[in-house]
Amino acid sequence: MKTRVLSKNLIVVLLILVIPLVCSFTATISNPRMVLYENMTGEVVTIENSVIVVNDNENEVIISVTPTGIWEDKVEVHEKNFILKEEEVREVFYTITIDKAGAYQGDILVTFEEEGSKNKLSLAQELEISVKEKNSSITGNSILDFDKVSGMLGISIFLILGIIILIAIKSKRKKK
């Protein structure tokens, strides 16, 4: 009798653990972190960016894309709400407008909602942008800066070697 009750309880516990796995609801985005560097070339910097939304579920999901925090007034999402069919992938574009140099960091929130259900999942695309003044001493093109420094270093070494050779030649002439 005890064995029968124990086995029934074990079956109930296993069903409780397995049923949520069978009825799962998933959410996937690609490029979950974006780090961008820009230079102020005018009064505002305008950047086009995107997040890729993937529906891995077996039914349609309602997608909402919402800028949060610092991005609420700086990001315009081109397609804020839409329905994504099963196994469908869509790239959602948005425009970022920044009017001042500085460092900006926040999230673009992508919410997946199962149609006809209360199930919701949200994922955040972390967006970090560094905008520098056009006349800043630190430019966004570090390769150009490296080329300038290495060129100046090469010329300096060449001049020092030339001076050493001239001194060596003069000291040999004085010995003769």
C-alpha atoms as a PDB file:
ATOM      1  CA  MET A   1       0.000   0.000   0.000  1.00  0.00           C
ATOM      2  CA  LYS A   2       2.794   2.433   0.927  1.00  0.00           C
ATOM      3  CA  THR A   3       4.617   1.622  -2.307  1.00  0.00           C
ATOM      4  CA  ARG A   4       1.504   2.349  -4.378  1.00  0.00           C
ATOM      5  CA  VAL A   5       0.974   5.778  -2.710  1.00  0.00           C
ATOM      6  CA  LEU A   6       4.666   6.591  -3.110  1.00  0.00           C
ATOM      7  CA  SER A   7       4.632   5.709  -6.812  1.00  0.00           C
ATOM      8  CA  LYS A   8       1.490   7.837  -7.401  1.00  0.00           C
ATOM      9  CA  ASN A   9       3.116  10.790  -5.646  1.00  0.00           C
ATOM     10  CA  LEU A  10       6.261  10.316  -7.721  1.00  0.00           C
ATOM     11  CA  ILE A  11       4.214  10.350 -10.951  1.00  0.00           C
ATOM     12  CA  VAL A  12       2.413  13.544  -9.882  1.00  0.00           C
ATOM     13  CA  VAL A  13       5.716  15.252  -9.062  1.00  0.00           C
ATOM     14  CA  LEU A  14       7.211  14.215 -12.406  1.00  0.00           C
ATOM     15  CA  LEU A  15       4.156  15.520 -14.286  1.00  0.00           C
ATOM     16  CA  ILE A  16       4.386  18.834 -12.457  1.00  0.00           C
ATOM     17  CA  LEU A  17       8.036  19.130 -13.475  1.00  0.00           C
ATOM     18  CA  VAL A  18       7.609  17.984 -17.108  1.00  0.00           C
ATOM     19  CA  ILE A  19       4.389  19.782 -18.161  1.00  0.00           C
ATOM     20  CA  PRO A  20       5.899  23.322 -18.011  1.00  0.00           C
ATOM     21  CA  LEU A  21       8.755  22.135 -20.224  1.00  0.00           C
ATOM     22  CA  VAL A  22       6.339  20.836 -22.865  1.00  0.00           C
ATOM     23  CA  CYS A  23       4.294  24.052 -22.890  1.00  0.00           C
ATOM     24  CA  SER A  24       7.234  26.417 -23.103  1.00  0.00           C
ATOM     25  CA  PHE A  25       7.176  29.899 -24.577  1.00  0.00           C
ATOM     26  CA  THR A  26      10.467  31.277 -25.882  1.00  0.00           C
ATOM     27  CA  ALA A  27      11.872  34.605 -27.012  1.00  0.00           C
ATOM     28  CA  THR A  28      14.996  35.264 -29.065  1.00  0.00           C
ATOM     29  CA  ILE A  29      16.713  38.369 -30.408  1.00  0.00           C
ATOM     30  CA  SER A  30      20.039  38.641 -32.122  1.00  0.00           C
ATOM     31  CA  ASN A  31      22.577  41.439 -31.597  1.00  0.00           C
ATOM     32  CA  PRO A  32      21.584  41.858 -27.918  1.00  0.00           C
ATOM     33  CA  ARG A  33      24.396  44.356 -27.303  1.00  0.00           C
ATOM     34  CA  MET A  34      25.362  47.207 -29.601  1.00  0.00           C
ATOM     35  CA  VAL A  35      28.304  49.547 -28.967  1.00  0.00           C
ATOM     36  CA  LEU A  36      28.612  52.406 -31.470  1.00  0.00           C
ATOM     37  CA  TYR A  37      31.075  55.281 -31.832  1.00  0.00           C
ATOM     38  CA  GLU A  38      30.171  58.465 -33.702  1.00  0.00           C
ATOM     39  CA  ASN A  39      31.571  61.962 -34.255  1.00  0.00           C
ATOM     40  CA  MET A  40      29.467  65.127 -34.235  1.00  0.00           C
ATOM     41  CA  THR A  41      29.558  66.363 -37.835  1.00  0.00           C
ATOM     42  CA  GLY A  42      26.682  68.812 -37.538  1.00  0.00           C
ATOM     43  CA  GLU A  43      24.094  69.866 -35.011  1.00  0.00           C
ATOM     44  CA  VAL A  44      22.748  66.315 -34.639  1.00  0.00           C
ATOM     45  CA  VAL A  45      23.973  62.770 -35.208  1.00  0.00           C
ATOM     46  CA  THR A  46      21.469  60.402 -36.822  1.00  0.00           C
ATOM     47  CA  ILE A  47      22.151  56.672 -36.646  1.00  0.00           C
ATOM     48  CA  GLU A  48      20.147  53.842 -38.245  1.00  0.00           C
ATOM     49  CA  ASN A  49      20.247  50.612 -36.240  1.00  0.00           C
ATOM     50  CA  SER A  50      18.180  47.447 -35.822  1.00  0.00           C
ATOM     51  CA  VAL A  51      17.311  44.475 -33.676  1.00  0.00           C
ATOM     52  CA  ILE A  52      16.521  41.054 -35.166  1.00  0.00           C
ATOM     53  CA  VAL A  53      13.482  39.351 -33.623  1.00  0.00           C
ATOM     54  CA  VAL A  54      13.040  35.566 -33.909  1.00  0.00           C
ATOM     55  CA  ASN A  55       9.846  33.602 -33.198  1.00  0.00           C
ATOM     56  CA  ASP A  56      10.903  30.049 -32.276  1.00  0.00           C
ATOM     57  CA  ASN A  57       7.412  29.207 -31.009  1.00  0.00           C
ATOM     58  CA  GLU A  58       4.843  26.995 -32.692  1.00  0.00           C
ATOM     59  CA  ASN A  59       2.280  29.810 -32.909  1.00  0.00           C
ATOM     60  CA  GLU A  60       2.080  33.524 -33.640  1.00  0.00           C
ATOM     61  CA  VAL A  61       3.379  36.036 -31.119  1.00  0.00           C
ATOM     62  CA  ILE A  62       2.700  39.733 -30.689  1.00  0.00           C
ATOM     63  CA  ILE A  63       5.915  41.768 -30.663  1.00  0.00           C
ATOM     64  CA  SER A  64       6.356  45.213 -29.085  1.00  0.00           C
ATOM     65  CA  VAL A  65       9.609  47.162 -29.491  1.00  0.00           C
ATOM     66  CA  THR A  66      10.012  49.999 -26.983  1.00  0.00           C
ATOM     67  CA  PRO A  67      12.958  52.301 -26.238  1.00  0.00           C
ATOM     68  CA  THR A  68      13.423  52.738 -22.486  1.00  0.00           C
ATOM     69  CA  GLY A  69      15.233  55.163 -20.194  1.00  0.00           C
ATOM     70  CA  ILE A  70      17.510  57.609 -21.975  1.00  0.00           C
ATOM     71  CA  TRP A  71      16.367  56.318 -25.395  1.00  0.00           C
ATOM     72  CA  GLU A  72      12.659  57.191 -24.939  1.00  0.00           C
ATOM     73  CA  ASP A  73      13.035  60.608 -26.594  1.00  0.00           C
ATOM     74  CA  LYS A  74      16.062  59.791 -28.807  1.00  0.00           C
ATOM     75  CA  VAL A  75      14.886  56.628 -30.623  1.00  0.00           C
ATOM     76  CA  GLU A  76      12.098  56.315 -33.184  1.00  0.00           C
ATOM     77  CA  VAL A  77      11.143  52.679 -33.859  1.00  0.00           C
ATOM     78  CA  HIS A  78       9.889  52.189 -37.429  1.00  0.00           C
ATOM     79  CA  GLU A  79       7.581  49.264 -36.540  1.00  0.00           C
ATOM     80  CA  LYS A  80       6.644  49.323 -32.843  1.00  0.00           C
ATOM     81  CA  ASN A  81       4.004  46.554 -32.737  1.00  0.00           C
ATOM     82  CA  PHE A  82       3.430  43.621 -35.079  1.00  0.00           C
ATOM     83  CA  ILE A  83       2.567  39.942 -35.202  1.00  0.00           C
ATOM     84  CA  LEU A  84       5.324  37.450 -35.940  1.00  0.00           C
ATOM     85  CA  LYS A  85       4.246  34.118 -37.443  1.00  0.00           C
ATOM     86  CA  GLU A  86       5.738  30.836 -36.220  1.00  0.00           C
ATOM     87  CA  GLU A  87       9.412  30.365 -37.168  1.00  0.00           C
ATOM     88  CA  GLU A  88       9.478  33.907 -38.658  1.00  0.00           C
ATOM     89  CA  VAL A  89      12.458  36.254 -38.326  1.00  0.00           C
ATOM     90  CA  ARG A  90      12.176  40.028 -38.765  1.00  0.00           C
ATOM     91  CA  GLU A  91      14.677  42.858 -38.576  1.00  0.00           C
ATOM     92  CA  VAL A  92      13.161  45.878 -36.832  1.00  0.00           C
ATOM     93  CA  PHE A  93      14.837  49.181 -37.715  1.00  0.00           C
ATOM     94  CA  TYR A  94      14.997  52.288 -35.583  1.00  0.00           C
ATOM     95  CA  THR A  95      16.526  55.758 -35.890  1.00  0.00           C
ATOM     96  CA  ILE A  96      18.601  57.308 -33.112  1.00  0.00           C
ATOM     97  CA  THR A  97      18.931  61.101 -32.964  1.00  0.00           C
ATOM     98  CA  ILE A  98      21.540  62.623 -30.638  1.00  0.00           C
ATOM     99  CA  ASP A  99      22.092  66.381 -30.375  1.00  0.00           C
ATOM    100  CA  LYS A 100      24.979  66.518 -27.890  1.00  0.00           C
ATOM    101  CA  ALA A 101      28.362  64.824 -27.540  1.00  0.00           C
ATOM    102  CA  GLY A 102      28.585  62.361 -24.672  1.00  0.00           C
ATOM    103  CA  ALA A 103      28.160  58.758 -23.602  1.00  0.00           C
ATOM    104  CA  TYR A 104      24.677  57.253 -23.835  1.00  0.00           C
ATOM    105  CA  GLN A 105      23.593  53.847 -22.548  1.00  0.00           C
ATOM    106  CA  GLY A 106      20.196  52.177 -22.210  1.00  0.00           C
ATOM    107  CA  ASP A 107      17.926  49.438 -23.499  1.00  0.00           C
ATOM    108  CA  ILE A 108      15.611  48.781 -26.412  1.00  0.00           C
ATOM    109  CA  LEU A 109      12.992  46.446 -24.940  1.00  0.00           C
ATOM    110  CA  VAL A 110      11.508  43.673 -27.142  1.00  0.00           C
ATOM    111  CA  THR A 111       8.384  42.067 -25.637  1.00  0.00           C
ATOM    112  CA  PHE A 112       6.986  38.746 -26.882  1.00  0.00           C
ATOM    113  CA  GLU A 113       3.330  38.072 -26.018  1.00  0.00           C
ATOM    114  CA  GLU A 114       1.601  34.809 -26.796  1.00  0.00           C
ATOM    115  CA  GLU A 115      -1.619  35.574 -28.669  1.00  0.00           C
ATOM    116  CA  GLY A 116      -4.707  34.682 -26.614  1.00  0.00           C
ATOM    117  CA  SER A 117      -2.632  34.145 -23.480  1.00  0.00           C
ATOM    118  CA  LYS A 118      -1.185  36.163 -20.641  1.00  0.00           C
ATOM    119  CA  ASN A 119       2.325  34.801 -21.258  1.00  0.00           C
ATOM    120  CA  LYS A 120       4.862  37.570 -21.876  1.00  0.00           C
ATOM    121  CA  LEU A 121       8.630  37.556 -22.179  1.00  0.00           C
ATOM    122  CA  SER A 122      10.834  40.601 -22.594  1.00  0.00           C
ATOM    123  CA  LEU A 123      14.414  40.814 -23.806  1.00  0.00           C
ATOM    124  CA  ALA A 124      16.564  43.933 -23.873  1.00  0.00           C
ATOM    125  CA  GLN A 125      18.992  45.026 -26.543  1.00  0.00           C
ATOM    126  CA  GLU A 126      21.653  46.979 -24.663  1.00  0.00           C
ATOM    127  CA  LEU A 127      22.552  50.041 -26.718  1.00  0.00           C
ATOM    128  CA  GLU A 128      25.667  52.067 -25.897  1.00  0.00           C
ATOM    129  CA  ILE A 129      26.742  55.041 -28.014  1.00  0.00           C
ATOM    130  CA  SER A 130      29.742  57.318 -27.578  1.00  0.00           C
ATOM    131  CA  VAL A 131      29.515  60.617 -29.472  1.00  0.00           C
ATOM    132  CA  LYS A 132      32.590  62.864 -29.610  1.00  0.00           C
ATOM    133  CA  GLU A 133      32.925  66.481 -30.719  1.00  0.00           C
ATOM    134  CA  LYS A 134      34.268  66.951 -34.248  1.00  0.00           C
ATOM    135  CA  ASN A 135      37.250  69.000 -33.005  1.00  0.00           C
ATOM    136  CA  SER A 136      37.989  66.657 -30.104  1.00  0.00           C
ATOM    137  CA  SER A 137      41.646  65.787 -29.526  1.00  0.00           C
ATOM    138  CA  ILE A 138      40.653  62.134 -29.414  1.00  0.00           C
ATOM    139  CA  THR A 139      39.278  61.178 -32.790  1.00  0.00           C
ATOM    140  CA  GLY A 140      37.210  58.172 -33.659  1.00  0.00           C
ATOM    141  CA  ASN A 141      39.804  57.095 -36.232  1.00  0.00           C
ATOM    142  CA  SER A 142      42.599  55.627 -34.113  1.00  0.00           C
ATOM    143  CA  ILE A 143      44.268  54.070 -37.192  1.00  0.00           C
ATOM    144  CA  LEU A 144      44.890  57.551 -38.626  1.00  0.00           C
ATOM    145  CA  ASP A 145      46.327  58.722 -35.288  1.00  0.00           C
ATOM    146  CA  PHE A 146      48.572  55.658 -35.092  1.00  0.00           C
ATOM    147  CA  ASP A 147      49.860  56.342 -38.624  1.00  0.00           C
ATOM    148  CA  LYS A 148      50.731  59.940 -37.687  1.00  0.00           C
ATOM    149  CA  VAL A 149      52.524  58.898 -34.495  1.00  0.00           C
ATOM    150  CA  SER A 150      54.435  56.063 -36.159  1.00  0.00           C
ATOM    151  CA  GLY A 151      55.495  58.395 -39.020  1.00  0.00           C
ATOM    152  CA  MET A 152      56.788  61.002 -36.594  1.00  0.00           C
ATOM    153  CA  LEU A 153      58.559  58.306 -34.597  1.00  0.00           C
ATOM    154  CA  GLY A 154      60.233  56.986 -37.771  1.00  0.00           C
ATOM    155  CA  ILE A 155      61.452  60.457 -38.753  1.00  0.00           C
ATOM    156  CA  SER A 156      62.781  61.057 -35.228  1.00  0.00           C
ATOM    157  CA  ILE A 157      64.718  57.776 -35.227  1.00  0.00           C
ATOM    158  CA  PHE A 158      66.115  58.559 -38.678  1.00  0.00           C
ATOM    159  CA  LEU A 159      67.312  62.013 -37.520  1.00  0.00           C
ATOM    160  CA  ILE A 160      68.912  60.604 -34.350  1.00  0.00           C
ATOM    161  CA  LEU A 161      70.748  57.926 -36.361  1.00  0.00           C
ATOM    162  CA  GLY A 162      71.942  60.592 -38.809  1.00  0.00           C
ATOM    163  CA  ILE A 163      73.311  62.728 -35.982  1.00  0.00           C
ATOM    164  CA  ILE A 164      75.085  59.704 -34.425  1.00  0.00           C
ATOM    165  CA  ILE A 165      76.681  58.829 -37.779  1.00  0.00           C
ATOM    166  CA  LEU A 166      77.862  62.430 -38.310  1.00  0.00           C
ATOM    167  CA  ILE A 167      79.407  62.521 -34.822  1.00  0.00           C
ATOM    168  CA  ALA A 168      81.145  59.184 -35.452  1.00  0.00           C
ATOM    169  CA  ILE A 169      82.567  60.427 -38.785  1.00  0.00           C
ATOM    170  CA  LYS A 170      83.858  63.694 -37.201  1.00  0.00           C
ATOM    171  CA  SER A 171      85.479  61.812 -34.305  1.00  0.00           C
ATOM    172  CA  LYS A 172      87.315  59.495 -36.771  1.00  0.00           C
ATOM    173  CA  ARG A 173      88.625  62.507 -38.729  1.00  0.00           C
ATOM    174  CA  LYS A 174      89.985  64.121 -35.534  1.00  0.00           C
ATOM    175  CA  LYS A 175      91.888  60.922 -34.647  1.00  0.00           C
ATOM    176  CA  LYS A 176      93.680  60.895 -38.024  1.00  0.00           C
END
